[in-house]
Amino acid sequence: MSFDNFKAKIWSRAIDKELERAFVFADGTNQQYSGEIKGLGDTVRILGVGKPTVTEHDLSSGDISLSTPEKVSDTSVSLVVDKAAYFNYAVEDIDAMQGAGKVLAVLNDEASQEVANKIDKYIADLAKGTVGVQLYSDSNTVITSSNVLATFDAVQAKLYENDVNPATEIEMIVPPWLYMCFRQAYQNKDTDNSEYLTNGKVARYGNMTIKMSNNVAIDTNSKYRVQVRTKRAIALAMSEAHTEAYRPEGGFKDAVKGFKLYGAKIVRPKEMVTLICSPS
């Protein structure tokens, strides 16, 4: 038994490919900083700028006279990569299994699914905090098929009130029970299977993509905290997947281990609404 020919880079790329297909919460985040991650504890500085003042001038009162240029304040947010999802499993013979291309591929797929699940759960739990708009936090909002559409409308309206452009794509990630309420109330949903049924996408409502996940956060009061957000609201930084083969001490089997480093943060709180609700 040998793992000298184990194709670590190929398996690492395969895991990253599988993650892209498996992500639900992570799929709708800003991931432009991921290429900068090298190790646990890395910090990414996300820069932003404030809005310049725009002054209206009536030309009938004379020419425009410019004053000293305004200094537009800039903002920056630190995103720390402080999480790792890892796996470690034994196999009979890596060379043989890699050559057969089935069993090891299945294990690789299962590992990818679990890593994606850990990262998605981490992002989902960001809704347990107080960053962003909390909708219905002071009431026991019970959603049924009779009020679900009005609730979805209220959520979208709250984002538009926060100056989110109506043309901006919005994602809402719901638990299965809430999706069933929506489906009962809105039968004319988009069912283009070529685009949907991937990354949790199940329907569209207005300008909002509806996704379904079992990872939607539940707070200490047993209320669901549903994220409704633009793709700029949460920043996610990840390393490339790392895999390697090794021979554990005290055994006769080969093994594969690997990990993925990541960190996430709400960086545009006005572009995320947390719908706090419960089923009937």
Protein backbone atom coordinates (compact mmCIF):
# COMPACT_ATOMS: atom_id res chain seq x y z
CA MET A 1 0.00 0.00 0.00
CA SER A 2 1.39 3.37 -0.99
CA PHE A 3 0.17 6.93 -1.36
CA ASP A 4 3.19 8.27 -3.25
CA ASN A 5 0.99 8.96 -6.28
CA PHE A 6 -1.83 10.62 -4.36
CA LYS A 7 -2.93 13.63 -6.42
CA ALA A 8 -3.40 16.16 -3.62
CA LYS A 9 -3.87 19.20 -5.87
CA ILE A 10 -6.44 17.42 -8.00
CA TRP A 11 -8.40 16.32 -4.94
CA SER A 12 -8.17 19.81 -3.43
CA ARG A 13 -9.58 21.34 -6.61
CA ALA A 14 -12.30 18.69 -6.67
CA ILE A 15 -13.31 19.59 -3.12
CA ASP A 16 -13.48 23.29 -4.00
CA LYS A 17 -15.63 22.40 -7.04
CA GLU A 18 -17.96 20.34 -4.90
CA LEU A 19 -18.17 23.15 -2.34
CA GLU A 20 -19.29 25.58 -5.03
CA ARG A 21 -22.19 23.26 -5.86
CA ALA A 22 -23.06 22.52 -2.24
CA PHE A 23 -23.05 26.03 -0.76
CA VAL A 24 -26.38 27.72 -0.03
CA PHE A 25 -25.62 30.55 2.41
CA ALA A 26 -22.05 30.98 1.15
CA ASP A 27 -23.20 31.05 -2.47
CA GLY A 28 -24.78 34.48 -2.01
CA THR A 29 -21.82 36.20 -0.33
CA ASN A 30 -19.04 38.47 -1.50
CA GLN A 31 -16.02 36.17 -1.88
CA GLN A 32 -13.62 38.47 -3.66
CA TYR A 33 -11.16 38.33 -0.75
CA SER A 34 -10.76 34.55 -0.69
CA GLY A 35 -7.64 34.51 -2.82
CA GLU A 36 -5.74 36.42 -0.16
CA ILE A 37 -6.08 33.76 2.55
CA LYS A 38 -2.94 31.77 3.37
CA GLY A 39 -3.33 30.70 6.98
CA LEU A 40 -5.52 30.66 10.07
CA GLY A 41 -5.64 34.08 11.73
CA ASP A 42 -5.16 36.04 8.50
CA THR A 43 -6.97 39.38 8.51
CA VAL A 44 -8.55 40.93 5.43
CA ARG A 45 -9.12 44.68 5.36
CA ILE A 46 -12.28 45.52 3.44
CA LEU A 47 -12.14 49.12 2.32
CA GLY A 48 -15.12 51.32 1.62
CA VAL A 49 -15.82 55.00 1.01
CA GLY A 50 -18.59 57.28 2.19
CA LYS A 51 -20.97 59.12 -0.08
CA PRO A 52 -19.90 62.57 -1.32
CA THR A 53 -22.25 65.48 -0.73
CA VAL A 54 -24.26 66.48 -3.82
CA THR A 55 -25.46 70.09 -3.82
CA GLU A 56 -28.28 71.42 -5.96
CA HIS A 57 -27.67 74.77 -7.68
CA ASP A 58 -30.15 77.04 -9.42
CA LEU A 59 -28.37 78.40 -12.50
CA SER A 60 -30.68 81.43 -12.60
CA SER A 61 -28.87 82.68 -9.50
CA GLY A 62 -25.51 82.74 -11.24
CA ASP A 63 -22.55 80.50 -11.97
CA ILE A 64 -21.47 77.72 -9.68
CA SER A 65 -18.79 78.73 -7.21
CA LEU A 66 -16.86 75.77 -5.88
CA SER A 67 -15.61 75.72 -2.31
CA THR A 68 -12.76 73.65 -0.92
CA PRO A 69 -13.10 70.04 -2.11
CA GLU A 70 -14.87 67.84 0.39
CA LYS A 71 -12.82 65.14 2.05
CA VAL A 72 -14.93 62.00 1.73
CA SER A 73 -14.47 59.77 4.73
CA ASP A 74 -13.39 56.22 4.11
CA THR A 75 -14.33 53.14 6.07
CA SER A 76 -12.66 49.82 6.60
CA VAL A 77 -13.76 46.58 8.19
CA SER A 78 -11.51 43.79 9.43
CA LEU A 79 -12.45 40.23 8.56
CA VAL A 80 -10.53 37.61 10.52
CA VAL A 81 -10.18 34.07 9.19
CA ASP A 82 -10.60 32.22 12.48
CA LYS A 83 -12.47 29.04 11.53
CA ALA A 84 -11.36 25.72 10.06
CA ALA A 85 -13.44 22.81 8.81
CA TYR A 86 -11.45 19.60 8.50
CA PHE A 87 -11.78 15.87 7.82
CA ASN A 88 -9.63 12.82 8.46
CA TYR A 89 -10.62 9.37 7.22
CA ALA A 90 -8.89 6.03 6.66
CA VAL A 91 -8.94 3.98 3.45
CA GLU A 92 -7.67 0.51 2.62
CA ASP A 93 -5.37 1.44 -0.25
CA ILE A 94 -5.23 4.97 -1.63
CA ASP A 95 -3.52 4.02 -4.90
CA ALA A 96 -6.06 1.30 -5.64
CA MET A 97 -9.05 3.42 -4.68
CA GLN A 98 -7.77 6.42 -6.59
CA GLY A 99 -7.28 4.23 -9.64
CA ALA A 100 -10.77 2.80 -9.36
CA GLY A 101 -12.06 6.36 -9.12
CA LYS A 102 -15.30 5.55 -7.30
CA VAL A 103 -15.01 4.88 -3.59
CA LEU A 104 -12.50 7.64 -2.94
CA ALA A 105 -14.57 9.98 -5.11
CA VAL A 106 -17.62 9.24 -2.98
CA LEU A 107 -15.66 9.90 0.21
CA ASN A 108 -14.38 13.11 -1.30
CA ASP A 109 -17.92 14.18 -2.18
CA GLU A 110 -19.17 13.38 1.32
CA ALA A 111 -16.30 15.35 2.88
CA SER A 112 -17.08 18.32 0.64
CA GLN A 113 -20.76 18.23 1.59
CA GLU A 114 -19.92 18.27 5.29
CA VAL A 115 -17.37 21.09 4.92
CA ALA A 116 -19.96 23.12 2.99
CA ASN A 117 -22.49 22.42 5.71
CA LYS A 118 -20.16 23.71 8.44
CA ILE A 119 -19.39 26.92 6.53
CA ASP A 120 -23.05 27.49 5.66
CA LYS A 121 -24.09 26.99 9.30
CA TYR A 122 -21.48 29.52 10.40
CA ILE A 123 -22.79 32.13 7.96
CA ALA A 124 -26.41 31.38 8.88
CA ASP A 125 -25.65 31.96 12.56
CA LEU A 126 -24.50 35.52 11.82
CA ALA A 127 -28.23 36.33 11.91
CA LYS A 128 -28.25 35.63 15.64
CA GLY A 129 -26.40 38.89 16.23
CA THR A 130 -27.81 42.40 16.20
CA VAL A 131 -26.02 43.66 13.07
CA GLY A 132 -28.43 44.51 10.28
CA VAL A 133 -32.16 45.23 10.41
CA GLN A 134 -34.19 43.07 12.80
CA LEU A 135 -37.75 42.65 11.52
CA TYR A 136 -40.48 41.68 14.01
CA SER A 137 -37.99 41.20 16.82
CA ASP A 138 -40.47 42.50 19.40
CA SER A 139 -43.36 40.26 18.43
CA ASN A 140 -44.16 36.61 18.10
CA THR A 141 -44.64 36.60 14.33
CA VAL A 142 -46.27 33.37 13.26
CA ILE A 143 -46.18 32.80 9.51
CA THR A 144 -48.85 30.86 7.67
CA SER A 145 -49.87 30.55 4.03
CA SER A 146 -52.32 33.43 4.58
CA ASN A 147 -49.71 36.02 5.62
CA VAL A 148 -46.49 34.74 4.09
CA LEU A 149 -46.66 36.89 0.93
CA ALA A 150 -47.38 40.07 2.89
CA THR A 151 -44.43 39.22 5.14
CA PHE A 152 -42.11 38.70 2.16
CA ASP A 153 -43.31 42.05 0.75
CA ALA A 154 -42.55 43.78 4.05
CA VAL A 155 -39.03 42.33 4.10
CA GLN A 156 -38.26 43.54 0.59
CA ALA A 157 -39.75 46.95 1.36
CA LYS A 158 -37.44 47.29 4.36
CA LEU A 159 -34.40 46.77 2.12
CA TYR A 160 -35.67 49.32 -0.38
CA GLU A 161 -36.18 51.79 2.48
CA ASN A 162 -32.48 51.29 3.23
CA ASP A 163 -31.66 52.55 -0.29
CA VAL A 164 -31.06 49.12 -1.80
CA ASN A 165 -31.61 49.58 -5.52
CA PRO A 166 -34.76 47.70 -6.67
CA ALA A 167 -32.68 46.23 -9.51
CA THR A 168 -30.28 44.62 -7.02
CA GLU A 169 -30.61 40.87 -6.67
CA ILE A 170 -31.93 39.84 -3.27
CA GLU A 171 -31.72 36.38 -1.70
CA MET A 172 -33.93 34.99 1.04
CA ILE A 173 -32.90 31.70 2.66
CA VAL A 174 -35.81 29.95 4.35
CA PRO A 175 -36.32 26.72 6.32
CA PRO A 176 -38.44 24.00 4.66
CA TRP A 177 -41.62 24.83 6.61
CA LEU A 178 -41.51 28.45 5.45
CA TYR A 179 -40.97 27.43 1.87
CA MET A 180 -44.03 25.18 2.06
CA CYS A 181 -46.10 28.13 3.33
CA PHE A 182 -44.85 30.18 0.40
CA ARG A 183 -45.59 27.43 -2.12
CA GLN A 184 -49.14 27.05 -0.85
CA ALA A 185 -49.70 30.79 -1.19
CA TYR A 186 -47.93 31.38 -4.46
CA GLN A 187 -48.42 28.67 -7.06
CA ASN A 188 -47.06 30.66 -10.02
CA LYS A 189 -43.45 30.42 -8.87
CA ASP A 190 -40.54 30.21 -11.30
CA THR A 191 -39.77 26.52 -11.84
CA ASP A 192 -36.96 26.73 -14.37
CA ASN A 193 -35.10 23.60 -13.31
CA SER A 194 -32.11 24.48 -15.46
CA GLU A 195 -31.30 27.31 -13.05
CA TYR A 196 -33.06 26.31 -9.88
CA LEU A 197 -32.68 23.27 -7.69
CA THR A 198 -28.99 24.26 -7.41
CA ASN A 199 -27.39 25.83 -4.35
CA GLY A 200 -30.74 25.61 -2.57
CA LYS A 201 -32.63 27.77 -5.09
CA VAL A 202 -36.29 26.82 -5.24
CA ALA A 203 -38.26 29.81 -6.52
CA ARG A 204 -38.44 33.51 -7.28
CA TYR A 205 -40.79 36.09 -5.84
CA GLY A 206 -40.57 39.49 -7.46
CA ASN A 207 -36.89 40.41 -7.54
CA MET A 208 -36.04 37.95 -4.78
CA THR A 209 -34.54 34.49 -5.12
CA ILE A 210 -35.92 32.06 -2.56
CA LYS A 211 -33.49 29.43 -1.26
CA MET A 212 -34.14 26.59 1.14
CA SER A 213 -31.80 25.27 3.83
CA ASN A 214 -31.93 23.34 7.08
CA ASN A 215 -29.17 25.60 8.41
CA VAL A 216 -31.38 28.66 9.01
CA ALA A 217 -30.46 29.97 12.47
CA ILE A 218 -32.74 29.36 15.47
CA ASP A 219 -32.31 31.61 18.49
CA THR A 220 -32.67 30.81 22.19
CA ASN A 221 -36.40 31.61 21.99
CA SER A 222 -36.86 28.92 19.32
CA LYS A 223 -37.52 31.58 16.68
CA TYR A 224 -36.12 31.25 13.19
CA ARG A 225 -33.85 34.05 12.03
CA VAL A 226 -34.21 34.20 8.26
CA GLN A 227 -31.58 36.10 6.28
CA VAL A 228 -32.78 38.37 3.46
CA ARG A 229 -29.85 40.15 1.83
CA THR A 230 -27.97 41.34 -1.19
CA LYS A 231 -24.80 39.57 -2.30
CA ARG A 232 -22.74 42.43 -0.85
CA ALA A 233 -24.12 42.20 2.68
CA ILE A 234 -21.80 39.43 3.91
CA ALA A 235 -18.13 39.03 3.03
CA LEU A 236 -16.67 35.53 3.09
CA ALA A 237 -12.94 34.82 2.89
CA MET A 238 -11.76 31.24 2.38
CA SER A 239 -8.50 29.47 1.71
CA GLU A 240 -8.15 26.90 -1.02
CA ALA A 241 -8.93 23.41 0.20
CA HIS A 242 -5.89 21.49 1.43
CA THR A 243 -5.68 17.69 1.26
CA GLU A 244 -2.91 15.21 1.86
CA ALA A 245 -2.45 11.48 2.28
CA TYR A 246 -0.57 9.92 5.19
CA ARG A 247 -0.02 6.66 7.06
CA PRO A 248 -1.33 6.80 10.66
CA GLU A 249 0.94 5.42 13.35
CA GLY A 250 -0.11 2.10 14.82
CA GLY A 251 -2.27 1.07 11.89
CA PHE A 252 -2.15 -0.62 8.51
CA LYS A 253 -4.45 1.65 6.53
CA ASP A 254 -3.76 4.75 4.52
CA ALA A 255 -5.62 7.95 5.37
CA VAL A 256 -6.64 11.26 3.85
CA LYS A 257 -6.92 14.49 5.76
CA GLY A 258 -7.78 18.00 4.68
CA PHE A 259 -9.13 21.35 5.75
CA LYS A 260 -10.63 24.62 4.61
CA LEU A 261 -10.01 27.93 6.41
CA TYR A 262 -12.69 30.61 6.44
CA GLY A 263 -14.14 33.68 8.08
CA ALA A 264 -17.28 35.74 7.41
CA LYS A 265 -18.73 39.06 8.51
CA ILE A 266 -21.72 41.30 7.82
CA VAL A 267 -20.05 44.25 6.11
CA ARG A 268 -23.11 46.05 4.69
CA PRO A 269 -25.67 45.85 7.51
CA LYS A 270 -28.20 48.04 5.71
CA GLU A 271 -28.36 45.44 2.95
CA MET A 272 -29.47 42.61 5.23
CA VAL A 273 -32.77 42.08 7.00
CA THR A 274 -33.27 39.33 9.57
CA LEU A 275 -36.85 38.09 9.58
CA ILE A 276 -37.59 36.74 13.07
CA CYS A 277 -40.50 34.34 12.94
CA SER A 278 -41.94 30.95 13.86
CA PRO A 279 -44.28 28.39 12.23
CA SER A 280 -47.90 27.99 13.22
